[in-house]
């Protein structure tokens, strides 16, 4: 899988101004969303490639893990694969390693192996309901995801607080 999102142009780092009180007061998903909003400005996949070059490793972790979460929480891993988000697995995996989330990393690797072993079924463009009937293990993976994804956000928050200069400039 081609790694399109592993470059960091430090000279062009997208580092938004941020209110220190908001940075201090928000936690968990609200904190992550507050950090994501000012950098979540890509209009399409091509913009993603250019924009994410301006992201620090921590910003990339937040950005791409949020892609994973958006897909899985709205339609499960089957939606993630059906919507062609697999191309984002390299930066998602790198982000999980960066924040130290070995539990989510193990899950993502299991799910991807499962996907690869059944890729032909996905290629047939079955609808999600049919895919869940044929591949019930994805339901189980979704349940595990929901049980651990809050911890992922806690690890992102910890990383961002410990490395705030990668994410924001204070007003």
C-alpha atoms as a PDB file:
ATOM      1  CA  UNK A   1       0.000   0.000   0.000  1.00  0.00           C
ATOM      2  CA  UNK A   2       1.466   3.341  -1.047  1.00  0.00           C
ATOM      3  CA  UNK A   3       2.251   5.686   1.820  1.00  0.00           C
ATOM      4  CA  UNK A   4       1.061   9.091   0.692  1.00  0.00           C
ATOM      5  CA  UNK A   5       0.849  10.793   4.036  1.00  0.00           C
ATOM      6  CA  UNK A   6       4.259  10.404   5.649  1.00  0.00           C
ATOM      7  CA  UNK A   7       5.872  13.741   4.736  1.00  0.00           C
ATOM      8  CA  UNK A   8       6.108  16.670   7.159  1.00  0.00           C
ATOM      9  CA  UNK A   9       6.995  20.064   5.690  1.00  0.00           C
ATOM     10  CA  UNK A  10       8.174  21.748   8.903  1.00  0.00           C
ATOM     11  CA  UNK A  11       8.686  25.071   7.137  1.00  0.00           C
ATOM     12  CA  UNK A  12       4.994  25.117   6.199  1.00  0.00           C
ATOM     13  CA  UNK A  13       3.590  23.607   9.428  1.00  0.00           C
ATOM     14  CA  UNK A  14      -0.107  24.344   9.883  1.00  0.00           C
ATOM     15  CA  UNK A  15      -0.110  25.501  13.477  1.00  0.00           C
ATOM     16  CA  UNK A  16      -3.329  27.324  14.397  1.00  0.00           C
ATOM     17  CA  UNK A  17      -3.707  29.935  17.090  1.00  0.00           C
ATOM     18  CA  UNK A  18      -5.591  28.447  20.007  1.00  0.00           C
ATOM     19  CA  UNK A  19      -7.131  29.734  23.205  1.00  0.00           C
ATOM     20  CA  UNK A  20      -5.135  28.420  26.176  1.00  0.00           C
ATOM     21  CA  UNK A  21      -8.241  28.222  28.392  1.00  0.00           C
ATOM     22  CA  UNK A  22     -10.015  25.987  25.851  1.00  0.00           C
ATOM     23  CA  UNK A  23      -6.892  23.845  25.583  1.00  0.00           C
ATOM     24  CA  UNK A  24      -6.814  23.488  29.367  1.00  0.00           C
ATOM     25  CA  UNK A  25     -10.545  23.044  29.997  1.00  0.00           C
ATOM     26  CA  UNK A  26     -11.638  20.602  27.275  1.00  0.00           C
ATOM     27  CA  UNK A  27     -11.103  16.852  27.531  1.00  0.00           C
ATOM     28  CA  UNK A  28     -11.609  13.620  25.599  1.00  0.00           C
ATOM     29  CA  UNK A  29     -13.580  13.898  22.343  1.00  0.00           C
ATOM     30  CA  UNK A  30     -14.331  17.603  22.801  1.00  0.00           C
ATOM     31  CA  UNK A  31     -10.613  18.270  23.174  1.00  0.00           C
ATOM     32  CA  UNK A  32      -9.777  16.232  20.068  1.00  0.00           C
ATOM     33  CA  UNK A  33     -12.471  17.936  18.028  1.00  0.00           C
ATOM     34  CA  UNK A  34     -11.278  21.384  19.121  1.00  0.00           C
ATOM     35  CA  UNK A  35      -7.761  20.530  17.917  1.00  0.00           C
ATOM     36  CA  UNK A  36      -9.026  18.981  14.707  1.00  0.00           C
ATOM     37  CA  UNK A  37     -11.403  21.736  13.580  1.00  0.00           C
ATOM     38  CA  UNK A  38      -8.832  24.363  12.560  1.00  0.00           C
ATOM     39  CA  UNK A  39      -6.784  21.854  10.534  1.00  0.00           C
ATOM     40  CA  UNK A  40      -9.686  19.887   9.019  1.00  0.00           C
ATOM     41  CA  UNK A  41      -9.845  22.047   5.917  1.00  0.00           C
ATOM     42  CA  UNK A  42      -9.259  19.625   3.023  1.00  0.00           C
ATOM     43  CA  UNK A  43     -12.007  19.753   0.421  1.00  0.00           C
ATOM     44  CA  UNK A  44     -11.200  16.380  -1.173  1.00  0.00           C
ATOM     45  CA  UNK A  45      -8.715  13.491  -1.213  1.00  0.00           C
ATOM     46  CA  UNK A  46      -6.225  15.454  -3.318  1.00  0.00           C
ATOM     47  CA  UNK A  47      -6.318  18.313  -0.803  1.00  0.00           C
ATOM     48  CA  UNK A  48      -5.661  15.719   1.913  1.00  0.00           C
ATOM     49  CA  UNK A  49      -2.352  14.758   0.327  1.00  0.00           C
ATOM     50  CA  UNK A  50      -1.121  18.344   0.196  1.00  0.00           C
ATOM     51  CA  UNK A  51      -2.630  19.514   3.468  1.00  0.00           C
ATOM     52  CA  UNK A  52      -1.369  16.638   5.596  1.00  0.00           C
ATOM     53  CA  UNK A  53       2.207  17.378   4.537  1.00  0.00           C
ATOM     54  CA  UNK A  54       1.819  20.478   6.695  1.00  0.00           C
ATOM     55  CA  UNK A  55       0.815  18.377   9.736  1.00  0.00           C
ATOM     56  CA  UNK A  56       3.163  17.305  12.497  1.00  0.00           C
ATOM     57  CA  UNK A  57       3.190  13.582  13.313  1.00  0.00           C
ATOM     58  CA  UNK A  58       0.785  14.230  16.200  1.00  0.00           C
ATOM     59  CA  UNK A  59      -1.613  16.193  14.001  1.00  0.00           C
ATOM     60  CA  UNK A  60      -1.546  13.371  11.462  1.00  0.00           C
ATOM     61  CA  UNK A  61      -2.385  10.887  14.225  1.00  0.00           C
ATOM     62  CA  UNK A  62      -5.386  12.943  15.307  1.00  0.00           C
ATOM     63  CA  UNK A  63      -6.540  13.613  11.741  1.00  0.00           C
ATOM     64  CA  UNK A  64      -6.390  10.059  10.437  1.00  0.00           C
ATOM     65  CA  UNK A  65      -7.567   8.330  13.602  1.00  0.00           C
ATOM     66  CA  UNK A  66     -10.579  10.644  13.408  1.00  0.00           C
ATOM     67  CA  UNK A  67     -11.210   9.294   9.867  1.00  0.00           C
ATOM     68  CA  UNK A  68     -11.202   5.770  11.283  1.00  0.00           C
ATOM     69  CA  UNK A  69     -13.507   6.727  14.113  1.00  0.00           C
ATOM     70  CA  UNK A  70     -15.943   8.558  11.858  1.00  0.00           C
ATOM     71  CA  UNK A  71     -16.328   5.557   9.598  1.00  0.00           C
ATOM     72  CA  UNK A  72     -16.483   2.864  12.264  1.00  0.00           C
ATOM     73  CA  UNK A  73     -18.856   4.723  14.585  1.00  0.00           C
ATOM     74  CA  UNK A  74     -21.214   5.490  11.702  1.00  0.00           C
ATOM     75  CA  UNK A  75     -21.252   2.132   9.941  1.00  0.00           C
ATOM     76  CA  UNK A  76     -18.626  -0.175  11.334  1.00  0.00           C
ATOM     77  CA  UNK A  77     -15.460  -1.507   9.806  1.00  0.00           C
ATOM     78  CA  UNK A  78     -17.464  -2.656   6.797  1.00  0.00           C
ATOM     79  CA  UNK A  79     -18.277   0.987   6.054  1.00  0.00           C
ATOM     80  CA  UNK A  80     -14.595   1.872   6.542  1.00  0.00           C
ATOM     81  CA  UNK A  81     -13.622  -0.617   3.825  1.00  0.00           C
ATOM     82  CA  UNK A  82     -16.621  -0.025   1.549  1.00  0.00           C
ATOM     83  CA  UNK A  83     -15.885   3.706   1.520  1.00  0.00           C
ATOM     84  CA  UNK A  84     -12.280   3.046   0.480  1.00  0.00           C
ATOM     85  CA  UNK A  85     -10.697   4.347   3.668  1.00  0.00           C
ATOM     86  CA  UNK A  86      -8.188   1.500   3.734  1.00  0.00           C
ATOM     87  CA  UNK A  87      -5.759   3.797   1.908  1.00  0.00           C
ATOM     88  CA  UNK A  88      -5.480   5.691   5.216  1.00  0.00           C
ATOM     89  CA  UNK A  89      -4.321   2.649   7.197  1.00  0.00           C
ATOM     90  CA  UNK A  90      -0.595   3.520   7.030  1.00  0.00           C
ATOM     91  CA  UNK A  91      -1.021   6.919   8.737  1.00  0.00           C
ATOM     92  CA  UNK A  92      -3.619   5.466  11.128  1.00  0.00           C
ATOM     93  CA  UNK A  93      -1.188   2.727  12.140  1.00  0.00           C
ATOM     94  CA  UNK A  94       1.669   5.222  12.492  1.00  0.00           C
ATOM     95  CA  UNK A  95      -0.581   7.451  14.591  1.00  0.00           C
ATOM     96  CA  UNK A  96      -1.571   4.590  16.892  1.00  0.00           C
ATOM     97  CA  UNK A  97       2.096   3.727  17.352  1.00  0.00           C
ATOM     98  CA  UNK A  98       2.949   7.368  18.053  1.00  0.00           C
ATOM     99  CA  UNK A  99       0.344   7.725  20.805  1.00  0.00           C
ATOM    100  CA  UNK A 100       1.155   4.290  22.240  1.00  0.00           C
ATOM    101  CA  UNK A 101      -2.215   2.644  21.566  1.00  0.00           C
ATOM    102  CA  UNK A 102      -1.159  -0.983  21.200  1.00  0.00           C
ATOM    103  CA  UNK A 103      -4.658  -2.300  21.964  1.00  0.00           C
ATOM    104  CA  UNK A 104      -6.252  -0.444  19.036  1.00  0.00           C
ATOM    105  CA  UNK A 105      -3.283  -1.280  16.845  1.00  0.00           C
ATOM    106  CA  UNK A 106      -3.770  -5.018  17.459  1.00  0.00           C
ATOM    107  CA  UNK A 107      -7.479  -4.674  16.633  1.00  0.00           C
ATOM    108  CA  UNK A 108      -6.815  -2.744  13.407  1.00  0.00           C
ATOM    109  CA  UNK A 109      -4.266  -5.323  12.276  1.00  0.00           C
ATOM    110  CA  UNK A 110      -6.730  -8.189  12.980  1.00  0.00           C
ATOM    111  CA  UNK A 111      -9.532  -6.430  11.141  1.00  0.00           C
ATOM    112  CA  UNK A 112      -7.335  -5.701   8.148  1.00  0.00           C
ATOM    113  CA  UNK A 113      -6.207  -9.334   7.918  1.00  0.00           C
ATOM    114  CA  UNK A 114      -9.863 -10.338   7.996  1.00  0.00           C
ATOM    115  CA  UNK A 115     -10.644  -7.824   5.261  1.00  0.00           C
ATOM    116  CA  UNK A 116      -7.776  -9.082   3.090  1.00  0.00           C
ATOM    117  CA  UNK A 117      -8.898 -12.686   3.469  1.00  0.00           C
ATOM    118  CA  UNK A 118     -12.417 -11.703   2.303  1.00  0.00           C
ATOM    119  CA  UNK A 119     -11.516  -8.920  -0.114  1.00  0.00           C
ATOM    120  CA  UNK A 120     -13.237 -10.704  -2.989  1.00  0.00           C
ATOM    121  CA  UNK A 121     -16.566 -10.472  -1.161  1.00  0.00           C
ATOM    122  CA  UNK A 122     -16.097  -6.721  -0.651  1.00  0.00           C
ATOM    123  CA  UNK A 123     -15.149  -6.288  -4.307  1.00  0.00           C
ATOM    124  CA  UNK A 124     -18.478  -7.803  -5.300  1.00  0.00           C
ATOM    125  CA  UNK A 125     -19.915  -4.593  -3.809  1.00  0.00           C
ATOM    126  CA  UNK A 126     -22.320  -6.265  -1.470  1.00  0.00           C
ATOM    127  CA  UNK A 127     -24.317  -3.866   0.648  1.00  0.00           C
ATOM    128  CA  UNK A 128     -23.277  -3.490   4.278  1.00  0.00           C
ATOM    129  CA  UNK A 129     -26.204  -5.509   5.626  1.00  0.00           C
ATOM    130  CA  UNK A 130     -25.320  -8.469   3.408  1.00  0.00           C
ATOM    131  CA  UNK A 131     -21.635  -8.184   4.308  1.00  0.00           C
ATOM    132  CA  UNK A 132     -22.469  -8.307   8.013  1.00  0.00           C
ATOM    133  CA  UNK A 133     -24.592 -11.418   7.407  1.00  0.00           C
ATOM    134  CA  UNK A 134     -21.799 -13.117   5.465  1.00  0.00           C
ATOM    135  CA  UNK A 135     -18.989 -11.864   7.726  1.00  0.00           C
ATOM    136  CA  UNK A 136     -20.361 -11.721  11.306  1.00  0.00           C
ATOM    137  CA  UNK A 137     -16.845 -11.380  12.729  1.00  0.00           C
ATOM    138  CA  UNK A 138     -16.923  -7.728  11.644  1.00  0.00           C
ATOM    139  CA  UNK A 139     -19.778  -7.173  14.109  1.00  0.00           C
ATOM    140  CA  UNK A 140     -17.502  -8.526  16.827  1.00  0.00           C
ATOM    141  CA  UNK A 141     -14.655  -6.253  15.732  1.00  0.00           C
ATOM    142  CA  UNK A 142     -17.012  -3.266  15.797  1.00  0.00           C
ATOM    143  CA  UNK A 143     -18.015  -4.131  19.368  1.00  0.00           C
ATOM    144  CA  UNK A 144     -14.369  -4.305  20.434  1.00  0.00           C
ATOM    145  CA  UNK A 145     -13.724  -0.976  18.723  1.00  0.00           C
ATOM    146  CA  UNK A 146     -16.543   0.690  20.647  1.00  0.00           C
ATOM    147  CA  UNK A 147     -15.225  -0.725  23.906  1.00  0.00           C
ATOM    148  CA  UNK A 148     -11.719   0.753  23.413  1.00  0.00           C
ATOM    149  CA  UNK A 149     -12.016   3.865  21.221  1.00  0.00           C
ATOM    150  CA  UNK A 150     -12.453   6.218  24.201  1.00  0.00           C
ATOM    151  CA  UNK A 151      -9.027   5.097  25.399  1.00  0.00           C
ATOM    152  CA  UNK A 152      -7.610   6.013  21.978  1.00  0.00           C
ATOM    153  CA  UNK A 153      -8.913   9.550  22.423  1.00  0.00           C
ATOM    154  CA  UNK A 154      -7.441   9.711  25.931  1.00  0.00           C
ATOM    155  CA  UNK A 155      -4.054   8.715  24.498  1.00  0.00           C
ATOM    156  CA  UNK A 156      -4.349  11.342  21.751  1.00  0.00           C
ATOM    157  CA  UNK A 157      -5.187  13.935  24.397  1.00  0.00           C
ATOM    158  CA  UNK A 158      -2.227  12.908  26.542  1.00  0.00           C
ATOM    159  CA  UNK A 159       0.091  13.053  23.546  1.00  0.00           C
ATOM    160  CA  UNK A 160      -1.257  16.469  22.501  1.00  0.00           C
ATOM    161  CA  UNK A 161      -0.899  17.916  25.984  1.00  0.00           C
ATOM    162  CA  UNK A 162       2.639  16.543  26.309  1.00  0.00           C
ATOM    163  CA  UNK A 163       3.553  17.824  22.823  1.00  0.00           C
ATOM    164  CA  UNK A 164       1.306  20.877  22.489  1.00  0.00           C
ATOM    165  CA  UNK A 165       3.808  22.711  20.266  1.00  0.00           C
ATOM    166  CA  UNK A 166       3.017  20.139  17.553  1.00  0.00           C
ATOM    167  CA  UNK A 167      -0.650  21.161  17.606  1.00  0.00           C
ATOM    168  CA  UNK A 168      -1.167  24.813  18.520  1.00  0.00           C
ATOM    169  CA  UNK A 169       0.228  28.241  19.164  1.00  0.00           C
ATOM    170  CA  UNK A 170      -1.432  29.964  22.106  1.00  0.00           C
ATOM    171  CA  UNK A 171      -3.067  33.354  21.663  1.00  0.00           C
END
